Amino acid sequence: MPSFQTRLQITALKPGNPPEAVMAAAVEALGTRHHVESNQLDIAGGVPQLNLRFLVEPTEYNGENNQARASAAMMRDAVERVALTGSLSVLRRSRGRWTAV
């Protein structure tokens, strides 16, 4: 199955939300469509960043990429209920490397 990764910057929590609500919202949203293989919080350039790796059902290459992008956007919408976000990127695992889609 094709493997994808989302990277979403988190710039601030919305009032009344604990920090763990951010990852919970991301995993729950993405998990409604795909198997989430892993999730972690990193700091990139001093900015917190969610990294979630997930699998997409195999169809055809462009369709898989479109499905991954749509799911990442849905995940971002869910996270924005509890936090302010920055840039979002979607990457695909190809020949042992992550490449932007």
Protein backbone atom coordinates (compact mmCIF):
# COMPACT_ATOMS: atom_id res chain seq x y z
CA MET A 1 0.00 0.00 0.00
CA PRO A 2 1.26 3.50 -0.77
CA SER A 3 2.67 5.30 2.28
CA PHE A 4 2.20 9.03 2.81
CA GLN A 5 3.21 11.55 5.44
CA THR A 6 1.69 14.87 6.44
CA ARG A 7 3.62 17.64 8.13
CA LEU A 8 1.54 20.36 9.74
CA GLN A 9 2.96 23.32 11.62
CA ILE A 10 1.20 24.32 14.84
CA THR A 11 1.55 28.01 15.68
CA ALA A 12 -0.67 28.28 18.79
CA LEU A 13 -3.31 26.53 20.86
CA LYS A 14 -6.81 27.97 20.88
CA PRO A 15 -7.98 28.96 24.39
CA GLY A 16 -9.29 26.13 26.54
CA ASN A 17 -7.56 23.32 24.63
CA PRO A 18 -4.79 21.19 26.15
CA PRO A 19 -1.71 20.46 24.00
CA GLU A 20 -2.61 16.77 23.62
CA ALA A 21 -5.89 17.76 21.92
CA VAL A 22 -3.93 18.77 18.82
CA MET A 23 -2.48 15.33 18.08
CA ALA A 24 -5.72 13.62 19.12
CA ALA A 25 -7.69 15.69 16.60
CA ALA A 26 -5.18 14.95 13.84
CA VAL A 27 -5.05 11.19 14.43
CA GLU A 28 -8.82 10.89 14.83
CA ALA A 29 -9.55 12.80 11.61
CA LEU A 30 -6.98 11.00 9.47
CA GLY A 31 -7.93 7.65 11.02
CA THR A 32 -11.48 7.96 9.71
CA ARG A 33 -10.13 7.43 6.16
CA HIS A 34 -6.78 5.67 6.48
CA HIS A 35 -4.65 3.46 8.66
CA VAL A 36 -2.36 5.82 10.61
CA GLU A 37 1.01 4.06 10.94
CA SER A 38 2.69 6.57 13.23
CA ASN A 39 2.43 10.05 14.66
CA GLN A 40 4.88 12.32 16.38
CA LEU A 41 5.47 15.92 17.31
CA ASP A 42 8.73 17.49 16.15
CA ILE A 43 10.20 20.95 16.44
CA ALA A 44 11.36 22.29 13.07
CA GLY A 45 13.00 25.69 13.11
CA GLY A 46 11.55 26.38 16.55
CA VAL A 47 7.98 25.64 15.38
CA PRO A 48 6.03 22.57 16.56
CA GLN A 49 5.12 20.27 13.68
CA LEU A 50 2.81 17.25 13.60
CA ASN A 51 4.10 14.34 11.50
CA LEU A 52 1.61 11.61 10.69
CA ARG A 53 2.36 8.64 8.45
CA PHE A 54 -0.58 6.82 6.85
CA LEU A 55 -1.49 4.30 4.16
CA VAL A 56 -3.76 4.89 1.18
CA GLU A 57 -5.65 2.10 -0.57
CA PRO A 58 -3.90 1.37 -3.88
CA THR A 59 -5.71 2.57 -6.99
CA GLU A 60 -3.77 4.60 -9.54
CA TYR A 61 -0.86 6.92 -8.81
CA ASN A 62 -2.56 10.31 -9.26
CA GLY A 63 -5.71 9.13 -7.53
CA GLU A 64 -3.70 8.00 -4.52
CA ASN A 65 -1.94 11.38 -4.37
CA ASN A 66 -5.25 13.24 -4.63
CA GLN A 67 -6.75 11.11 -1.88
CA ALA A 68 -3.76 11.80 0.37
CA ARG A 69 -3.99 15.56 -0.25
CA ALA A 70 -7.73 15.62 0.46
CA SER A 71 -7.28 13.62 3.66
CA ALA A 72 -4.47 15.92 4.83
CA ALA A 73 -6.72 18.95 4.24
CA MET A 74 -9.50 17.28 6.23
CA MET A 75 -7.02 16.56 9.04
CA ARG A 76 -5.93 20.21 9.04
CA ASP A 77 -9.57 21.34 9.33
CA ALA A 78 -10.00 19.11 12.39
CA VAL A 79 -6.81 20.42 14.01
CA GLU A 80 -7.87 24.03 13.39
CA ARG A 81 -10.77 23.51 15.82
CA VAL A 82 -8.21 23.33 18.66
CA ALA A 83 -5.11 25.13 17.32
CA LEU A 84 -3.83 27.65 14.82
CA THR A 85 -1.82 26.06 12.02
CA GLY A 86 0.91 27.03 9.59
CA SER A 87 2.12 25.24 6.49
CA LEU A 88 0.91 21.78 5.53
CA SER A 89 2.87 19.42 3.32
CA VAL A 90 2.05 15.97 1.98
CA LEU A 91 4.82 13.54 1.07
CA ARG A 92 4.81 10.14 -0.60
CA ARG A 93 7.28 7.33 0.09
CA SER A 94 8.92 6.39 -3.19
CA ARG A 95 12.02 4.20 -3.54
CA GLY A 96 13.04 4.76 0.05
CA ARG A 97 12.66 8.55 -0.03
CA TRP A 98 9.92 11.02 0.87
CA THR A 99 8.90 13.24 -2.06
CA ALA A 100 6.35 16.06 -2.11
CA VAL A 101 3.05 15.39 -3.87
